[in-house]
């Protein structure tokens, strides 16, 4: 994230912090001496001006991007490496881009991919899309705050992120880091997700996401914030345990968010015994105790929790048939009663016809 932070600083945040927390003339002089001349002259400048010692010197976050410092880079009393500035900036960036990505791509999926026939499913909720969006936007600030804490540690050099491809443990690692990341995070998420279904934590943390029996793409980020962050911990843990190239980290982080939308879009492309696609995840929302994995079915198969998606889901006519929906509903209600007890959801199908027309 130091690359993203540097881009944001150069384009916007340097100017912002300069306006909100301007540097004193002595601080500004020291920054310029420190950056333009050398450390010896910096000490002389300190002696001449009486300015406190600030050791910030601009260093590019990546050899692949060259953004020269601007006049605003040295104009704030909080230099770029100030821990409080970095924390605030990362929180703002994660929250802003999280919200933007969610609304743009969940909306595109909703408009162009999601099958609107789902509105007629017996387990579709009254005002469901609005409730999904509200839940997601309640969760995002807290998830962003916790995520920013992990990224702060990365930016401050505690992770094993690397820049140059030659810094990889071995040349082939630049390729295998991608499947390695997927397998590692999928394994961890499987156990975290399965743990969230334990009766001691399910109703408090994970039930808000299971409110959506037949989710729309807007349910992709509609979690309790601690639930959403818990399932993201493996993504942040990986670069502290294993080397990961910086641009690969950014690409994988974006991919994860796309994948989360993809498995909630209700369009069943992947009829695969290996890929945990939307069909597998639909089985999880319908029947609760199956298909905990994020990317693959591997750990569910090994853990005895895999459930093959109904064949009817992969046929355009049968996936929305009354027979299939009734079968889903009958089994879902039995499992739901065992898992949750009384069902407190408000289903659109249970509303009077006159009221449905208003929705």
Protein backbone atom coordinates (compact mmCIF):
# COMPACT_ATOMS: atom_id res chain seq x y z
CA UNK A 1 0.00 0.00 0.00
CA UNK A 2 2.99 2.35 0.15
CA UNK A 3 2.64 2.73 -3.64
CA UNK A 4 -1.00 3.78 -3.37
CA UNK A 5 -0.15 6.06 -0.46
CA UNK A 6 2.63 7.75 -2.43
CA UNK A 7 0.32 8.34 -5.40
CA UNK A 8 -2.38 9.76 -3.12
CA UNK A 9 0.16 11.97 -1.33
CA UNK A 10 1.54 13.36 -4.57
CA UNK A 11 -1.81 14.01 -6.24
CA UNK A 12 -3.87 15.19 -3.28
CA UNK A 13 -2.84 14.55 0.30
CA UNK A 14 0.38 16.61 0.40
CA UNK A 15 -1.62 19.70 -0.45
CA UNK A 16 -4.34 18.76 2.07
CA UNK A 17 -1.97 18.24 4.99
CA UNK A 18 -0.07 21.40 4.06
CA UNK A 19 -3.29 23.37 4.34
CA UNK A 20 -4.53 21.71 7.52
CA UNK A 21 -1.17 21.29 9.33
CA UNK A 22 1.28 23.71 7.72
CA UNK A 23 4.96 23.47 8.52
CA UNK A 24 6.71 26.33 10.25
CA UNK A 25 9.36 28.17 8.19
CA UNK A 26 12.07 26.40 10.21
CA UNK A 27 10.55 22.98 9.54
CA UNK A 28 10.14 23.75 5.85
CA UNK A 29 13.78 24.88 5.62
CA UNK A 30 14.93 21.70 7.29
CA UNK A 31 12.87 19.49 4.95
CA UNK A 32 14.35 21.19 1.89
CA UNK A 33 17.91 21.04 3.19
CA UNK A 34 17.43 17.41 4.11
CA UNK A 35 16.05 16.50 0.71
CA UNK A 36 17.99 18.69 -1.68
CA UNK A 37 21.44 18.92 -0.09
CA UNK A 38 22.49 16.24 2.43
CA UNK A 39 22.36 15.22 6.05
CA UNK A 40 25.42 17.28 7.04
CA UNK A 41 23.88 20.52 5.79
CA UNK A 42 20.66 19.46 7.47
CA UNK A 43 22.41 19.50 10.84
CA UNK A 44 23.89 22.90 10.02
CA UNK A 45 20.44 24.15 9.11
CA UNK A 46 19.11 22.92 12.42
CA UNK A 47 21.86 24.73 14.31
CA UNK A 48 21.24 27.95 12.39
CA UNK A 49 17.48 27.98 12.73
CA UNK A 50 16.93 26.21 16.02
CA UNK A 51 14.46 23.94 14.26
CA UNK A 52 13.77 20.49 15.74
CA UNK A 53 15.33 17.56 13.88
CA UNK A 54 13.02 15.97 11.30
CA UNK A 55 14.52 13.08 9.41
CA UNK A 56 12.00 12.66 6.60
CA UNK A 57 13.59 12.20 3.19
CA UNK A 58 11.60 11.29 0.11
CA UNK A 59 12.24 7.80 -1.22
CA UNK A 60 10.09 6.31 -4.00
CA UNK A 61 7.88 3.43 -2.92
CA UNK A 62 8.67 1.51 -6.10
CA UNK A 63 11.33 1.54 -8.77
CA UNK A 64 8.56 1.11 -11.34
CA UNK A 65 6.83 4.43 -10.53
CA UNK A 66 8.60 7.76 -10.45
CA UNK A 67 6.59 10.59 -8.89
CA UNK A 68 8.76 13.58 -8.14
CA UNK A 69 8.01 15.47 -4.90
CA UNK A 70 6.06 18.69 -5.34
CA UNK A 71 6.25 21.98 -3.44
CA UNK A 72 3.63 20.60 -1.07
CA UNK A 73 5.67 17.54 -0.09
CA UNK A 74 7.60 19.53 2.50
CA UNK A 75 4.92 22.01 3.51
CA UNK A 76 3.24 20.15 6.36
CA UNK A 77 4.29 19.72 9.99
CA UNK A 78 3.28 16.08 9.51
CA UNK A 79 5.73 14.67 6.91
CA UNK A 80 4.73 11.71 4.80
CA UNK A 81 6.25 9.21 7.23
CA UNK A 82 4.36 10.54 10.25
CA UNK A 83 2.55 7.53 11.73
CA UNK A 84 -0.65 9.46 12.51
CA UNK A 85 -0.77 10.92 9.00
CA UNK A 86 -0.22 7.50 7.47
CA UNK A 87 -2.96 5.95 9.63
CA UNK A 88 -5.50 8.64 8.74
CA UNK A 89 -4.59 8.54 5.06
CA UNK A 90 -4.80 4.76 4.82
CA UNK A 91 -8.15 4.67 6.59
CA UNK A 92 -9.53 7.32 4.21
CA UNK A 93 -8.14 5.59 1.11
CA UNK A 94 -9.41 2.13 2.11
CA UNK A 95 -12.86 3.46 3.01
CA UNK A 96 -13.21 5.63 -0.10
CA UNK A 97 -12.07 3.01 -2.58
CA UNK A 98 -13.98 0.27 -0.75
CA UNK A 99 -17.22 2.21 -1.09
CA UNK A 100 -16.47 3.19 -4.70
CA UNK A 101 -15.61 -0.37 -5.72
CA UNK A 102 -18.69 -1.72 -3.94
CA UNK A 103 -21.17 0.66 -5.53
CA UNK A 104 -19.66 0.63 -9.02
CA UNK A 105 -19.08 -3.09 -9.48
CA UNK A 106 -21.94 -4.42 -7.35
CA UNK A 107 -24.23 -2.10 -9.31
CA UNK A 108 -22.83 -3.27 -12.65
CA UNK A 109 -23.32 -6.85 -11.54
CA UNK A 110 -26.83 -6.09 -10.31
CA UNK A 111 -27.84 -4.39 -13.56
CA UNK A 112 -26.15 -6.67 -16.11
CA UNK A 113 -25.67 -10.05 -14.41
CA UNK A 114 -28.08 -10.59 -11.53
CA UNK A 115 -31.27 -12.43 -12.50
CA UNK A 116 -34.17 -10.22 -11.43
CA UNK A 117 -36.44 -13.27 -11.41
CA UNK A 118 -34.91 -13.90 -7.98
CA UNK A 119 -37.27 -11.22 -6.65
CA UNK A 120 -40.01 -13.86 -6.88
CA UNK A 121 -38.13 -16.40 -4.76
CA UNK A 122 -40.06 -17.27 -1.56
CA UNK A 123 -37.03 -16.33 0.54
CA UNK A 124 -36.36 -12.94 -1.03
CA UNK A 125 -36.79 -10.23 1.61
CA UNK A 126 -38.90 -7.14 1.64
CA UNK A 127 -36.66 -4.14 0.74
CA UNK A 128 -33.70 -6.53 0.53
CA UNK A 129 -31.43 -4.48 -1.74
CA UNK A 130 -31.84 -1.40 0.43
CA UNK A 131 -31.11 -3.42 3.58
CA UNK A 132 -28.01 -4.99 2.00
CA UNK A 133 -26.67 -1.57 1.05
CA UNK A 134 -27.39 -0.14 4.50
CA UNK A 135 -25.66 -3.08 6.22
CA UNK A 136 -22.62 -2.80 3.94
CA UNK A 137 -22.23 0.91 4.55
CA UNK A 138 -22.56 0.48 8.31
CA UNK A 139 -19.80 -2.12 8.24
CA UNK A 140 -17.33 -0.43 5.91
CA UNK A 141 -15.99 2.30 8.23
CA UNK A 142 -15.11 -0.24 10.94
CA UNK A 143 -13.71 -2.75 8.45
CA UNK A 144 -11.69 0.04 6.86
CA UNK A 145 -10.30 1.13 10.22
CA UNK A 146 -9.15 -2.39 11.08
CA UNK A 147 -7.80 -2.94 7.58
CA UNK A 148 -5.89 0.35 7.72
CA UNK A 149 -4.18 -0.85 10.91
CA UNK A 150 -2.82 -3.89 9.07
CA UNK A 151 -1.75 -1.77 6.12
CA UNK A 152 -0.04 0.70 8.42
CA UNK A 153 2.22 -2.09 9.65
CA UNK A 154 2.94 -3.01 6.02
CA UNK A 155 3.78 0.56 5.03
CA UNK A 156 6.09 0.95 8.01
CA UNK A 157 8.16 -1.99 6.90
CA UNK A 158 7.05 -4.89 9.07
CA UNK A 159 5.85 -7.09 6.22
CA UNK A 160 7.73 -9.13 3.62
CA UNK A 161 6.44 -7.14 0.67
CA UNK A 162 9.12 -6.62 -1.98
CA UNK A 163 9.42 -4.38 -5.03
CA UNK A 164 11.99 -5.67 -7.48
CA UNK A 165 11.26 -9.02 -9.11
CA UNK A 166 14.84 -9.96 -8.35
CA UNK A 167 14.06 -9.69 -4.63
CA UNK A 168 11.86 -12.79 -4.81
CA UNK A 169 13.19 -15.89 -3.01
CA UNK A 170 13.63 -17.47 -6.46
CA UNK A 171 12.59 -16.38 -9.94
CA UNK A 172 9.63 -18.76 -10.26
CA UNK A 173 8.20 -17.36 -7.02
CA UNK A 174 6.98 -14.27 -8.90
CA UNK A 175 4.47 -16.58 -10.61
CA UNK A 176 3.64 -19.16 -7.94
CA UNK A 177 2.96 -16.48 -5.32
CA UNK A 178 -0.50 -16.08 -6.89
CA UNK A 179 -1.78 -19.67 -6.51
CA UNK A 180 0.07 -19.90 -3.19
CA UNK A 181 -1.79 -16.81 -1.94
CA UNK A 182 -5.14 -18.24 -3.09
CA UNK A 183 -4.57 -21.64 -1.45
CA UNK A 184 -3.26 -20.18 1.80
CA UNK A 185 -6.05 -17.62 2.21
CA UNK A 186 -8.69 -20.13 1.12
CA UNK A 187 -7.50 -22.57 3.80
CA UNK A 188 -7.53 -19.90 6.51
CA UNK A 189 -10.88 -18.46 5.48
CA UNK A 190 -12.41 -21.92 5.48
CA UNK A 191 -11.64 -22.37 9.18
CA UNK A 192 -12.48 -18.78 10.13
CA UNK A 193 -15.78 -19.00 8.27
CA UNK A 194 -16.58 -22.37 9.76
CA UNK A 195 -15.74 -20.99 13.19
CA UNK A 196 -18.16 -18.10 12.63
CA UNK A 197 -20.92 -20.69 12.35
CA UNK A 198 -20.24 -21.94 15.88
CA UNK A 199 -23.37 -21.35 18.01
CA UNK A 200 -21.42 -19.15 20.45
CA UNK A 201 -20.63 -16.52 17.79
CA UNK A 202 -23.00 -17.16 14.88
CA UNK A 203 -26.02 -15.14 16.01
CA UNK A 204 -23.90 -12.17 17.08
CA UNK A 205 -21.36 -11.93 14.26
CA UNK A 206 -22.29 -14.01 11.23
CA UNK A 207 -26.09 -14.05 11.19
CA UNK A 208 -26.29 -10.49 9.75
CA UNK A 209 -24.70 -11.83 6.54
CA UNK A 210 -27.00 -14.86 6.52
CA UNK A 211 -30.01 -12.59 6.64
CA UNK A 212 -29.83 -12.83 2.85
CA UNK A 213 -31.03 -16.35 1.95
CA UNK A 214 -30.96 -15.50 -1.75
CA UNK A 215 -28.39 -12.69 -1.91
CA UNK A 216 -27.93 -10.01 -4.54
CA UNK A 217 -24.51 -8.56 -5.48
CA UNK A 218 -25.09 -5.86 -2.84
CA UNK A 219 -24.89 -8.57 -0.16
CA UNK A 220 -21.21 -9.09 -1.04
CA UNK A 221 -20.03 -6.65 1.64
CA UNK A 222 -23.12 -6.69 3.86
CA UNK A 223 -21.51 -8.14 6.99
CA UNK A 224 -21.23 -7.40 10.66
CA UNK A 225 -17.96 -5.40 10.56
CA UNK A 226 -16.07 -7.83 12.81
CA UNK A 227 -17.26 -10.73 10.67
CA UNK A 228 -16.14 -9.02 7.47
CA UNK A 229 -12.73 -8.17 8.92
CA UNK A 230 -12.25 -11.64 10.44
CA UNK A 231 -12.65 -13.21 7.01
CA UNK A 232 -10.13 -10.75 5.55
CA UNK A 233 -7.41 -11.46 8.13
CA UNK A 234 -5.69 -14.13 5.95
CA UNK A 235 -5.22 -11.56 3.16
CA UNK A 236 -3.34 -9.27 5.54
CA UNK A 237 -1.54 -12.09 7.33
CA UNK A 238 0.01 -13.53 4.16
CA UNK A 239 2.55 -10.73 3.46
CA UNK A 240 3.76 -10.85 7.07
CA UNK A 241 4.50 -14.56 6.77
CA UNK A 242 5.55 -14.90 3.13
CA UNK A 243 7.15 -12.67 0.49
CA UNK A 244 4.71 -10.93 -1.83
CA UNK A 245 5.47 -8.48 -4.62
CA UNK A 246 3.92 -5.04 -4.01
CA UNK A 247 1.94 -4.81 -7.24
CA UNK A 248 0.81 -8.42 -6.83
CA UNK A 249 -0.51 -7.46 -3.39
CA UNK A 250 -2.56 -4.60 -4.82
CA UNK A 251 -3.87 -6.75 -7.68
CA UNK A 252 -4.85 -9.58 -5.32
CA UNK A 253 -6.60 -7.18 -2.96
CA UNK A 254 -8.73 -5.86 -5.83
CA UNK A 255 -9.34 -9.42 -7.09
CA UNK A 256 -10.63 -10.47 -3.66
CA UNK A 257 -13.25 -7.73 -3.70
CA UNK A 258 -14.33 -8.66 -7.24
CA UNK A 259 -14.57 -12.31 -6.26
CA UNK A 260 -16.74 -11.46 -3.27
CA UNK A 261 -19.21 -9.73 -5.58
CA UNK A 262 -18.98 -12.57 -8.12
CA UNK A 263 -20.02 -15.30 -5.67
CA UNK A 264 -23.09 -13.29 -4.67
CA UNK A 265 -24.34 -12.41 -8.14
CA UNK A 266 -26.68 -15.40 -8.54
CA UNK A 267 -25.41 -16.26 -12.02
CA UNK A 268 -24.09 -19.80 -12.02
CA UNK A 269 -21.28 -19.97 -14.57
CA UNK A 270 -18.89 -22.26 -12.74
CA UNK A 271 -20.31 -25.79 -12.65
CA UNK A 272 -16.97 -27.03 -11.42
CA UNK A 273 -16.06 -29.53 -8.70
CA UNK A 274 -13.07 -27.33 -7.79
CA UNK A 275 -14.18 -23.68 -8.04
CA UNK A 276 -16.29 -22.29 -5.21
CA UNK A 277 -18.36 -20.05 -7.46
CA UNK A 278 -21.74 -18.41 -7.07
CA UNK A 279 -23.60 -21.73 -7.20
CA UNK A 280 -21.57 -23.19 -4.33
CA UNK A 281 -21.99 -20.03 -2.31
CA UNK A 282 -25.73 -20.06 -2.97
CA UNK A 283 -25.79 -23.49 -1.34
CA UNK A 284 -24.11 -21.90 1.68
CA UNK A 285 -26.67 -19.13 1.99
CA UNK A 286 -29.57 -21.52 1.49
CA UNK A 287 -28.40 -24.38 3.68
CA UNK A 288 -26.00 -22.66 6.13
CA UNK A 289 -23.63 -25.50 7.04
CA UNK A 290 -21.94 -26.18 3.71
CA UNK A 291 -19.32 -24.68 1.36
CA UNK A 292 -17.38 -22.45 3.74
CA UNK A 293 -14.51 -21.95 1.29
CA UNK A 294 -13.85 -18.70 -0.56
CA UNK A 295 -12.16 -19.71 -3.81
CA UNK A 296 -12.12 -23.49 -4.01
CA UNK A 297 -14.04 -26.51 -2.74
CA UNK A 298 -10.81 -28.24 -1.67
CA UNK A 299 -11.02 -27.60 2.07
CA UNK A 300 -14.76 -28.27 2.18
CA UNK A 301 -14.13 -31.64 0.57
CA UNK A 302 -11.41 -32.44 3.06
CA UNK A 303 -13.46 -31.10 5.97
CA UNK A 304 -16.65 -32.96 5.01
CA UNK A 305 -18.68 -29.79 4.45
CA UNK A 306 -18.88 -29.75 0.65
CA UNK A 307 -22.31 -29.73 -0.94
CA UNK A 308 -22.58 -30.05 -4.70
CA UNK A 309 -24.86 -27.36 -6.17
CA UNK A 310 -28.20 -28.62 -7.44
CA UNK A 311 -28.00 -29.46 -11.15
CA UNK A 312 -31.14 -27.40 -11.68
CA UNK A 313 -29.18 -24.22 -10.92
CA UNK A 314 -27.26 -24.51 -14.19
CA UNK A 315 -30.35 -24.58 -16.40
CA UNK A 316 -31.99 -21.22 -17.10
CA UNK A 317 -35.51 -22.59 -16.89
CA UNK A 318 -35.20 -24.96 -13.94
CA UNK A 319 -33.15 -22.66 -11.71
CA UNK A 320 -36.13 -20.31 -11.33
CA UNK A 321 -38.84 -22.95 -11.43
CA UNK A 322 -41.47 -23.12 -8.71
CA UNK A 323 -40.57 -26.77 -8.08
CA UNK A 324 -36.90 -25.97 -7.44
CA UNK A 325 -37.75 -23.00 -5.20
CA UNK A 326 -40.20 -25.06 -3.16
CA UNK A 327 -37.58 -27.77 -2.69
CA UNK A 328 -35.01 -25.19 -1.59
CA UNK A 329 -37.48 -23.55 0.78
CA UNK A 330 -38.56 -26.79 2.46
CA UNK A 331 -35.01 -27.90 3.21
CA UNK A 332 -33.82 -24.41 4.10
CA UNK A 333 -36.56 -23.94 6.70
CA UNK A 334 -35.63 -27.18 8.48
CA UNK A 335 -31.94 -26.27 8.64
CA UNK A 336 -32.67 -22.65 9.53
CA UNK A 337 -34.76 -23.70 12.52
CA UNK A 338 -31.94 -25.90 13.80
CA UNK A 339 -29.32 -23.19 13.31
CA UNK A 340 -31.22 -20.06 14.32
CA UNK A 341 -34.49 -21.02 15.93
CA UNK A 342 -37.37 -18.71 15.09
CA UNK A 343 -37.01 -17.00 11.72
CA UNK A 344 -37.25 -13.22 12.19
CA UNK A 345 -36.82 -12.26 8.52
CA UNK A 346 -39.53 -10.40 6.65
CA UNK A 347 -40.05 -12.15 3.33
CA UNK A 348 -41.56 -10.35 0.38
CA UNK A 349 -43.56 -13.46 -0.55
CA UNK A 350 -45.45 -13.31 2.77
CA UNK A 351 -46.71 -9.78 2.14
CA UNK A 352 -50.21 -9.00 0.86
CA UNK A 353 -50.39 -8.60 -2.91
CA UNK A 354 -51.34 -4.92 -2.58
CA UNK A 355 -48.21 -4.24 -0.54
CA UNK A 356 -45.94 -6.08 -2.96
CA UNK A 357 -46.91 -3.73 -5.77
CA UNK A 358 -45.51 -0.82 -3.78
CA UNK A 359 -42.05 -2.43 -3.29
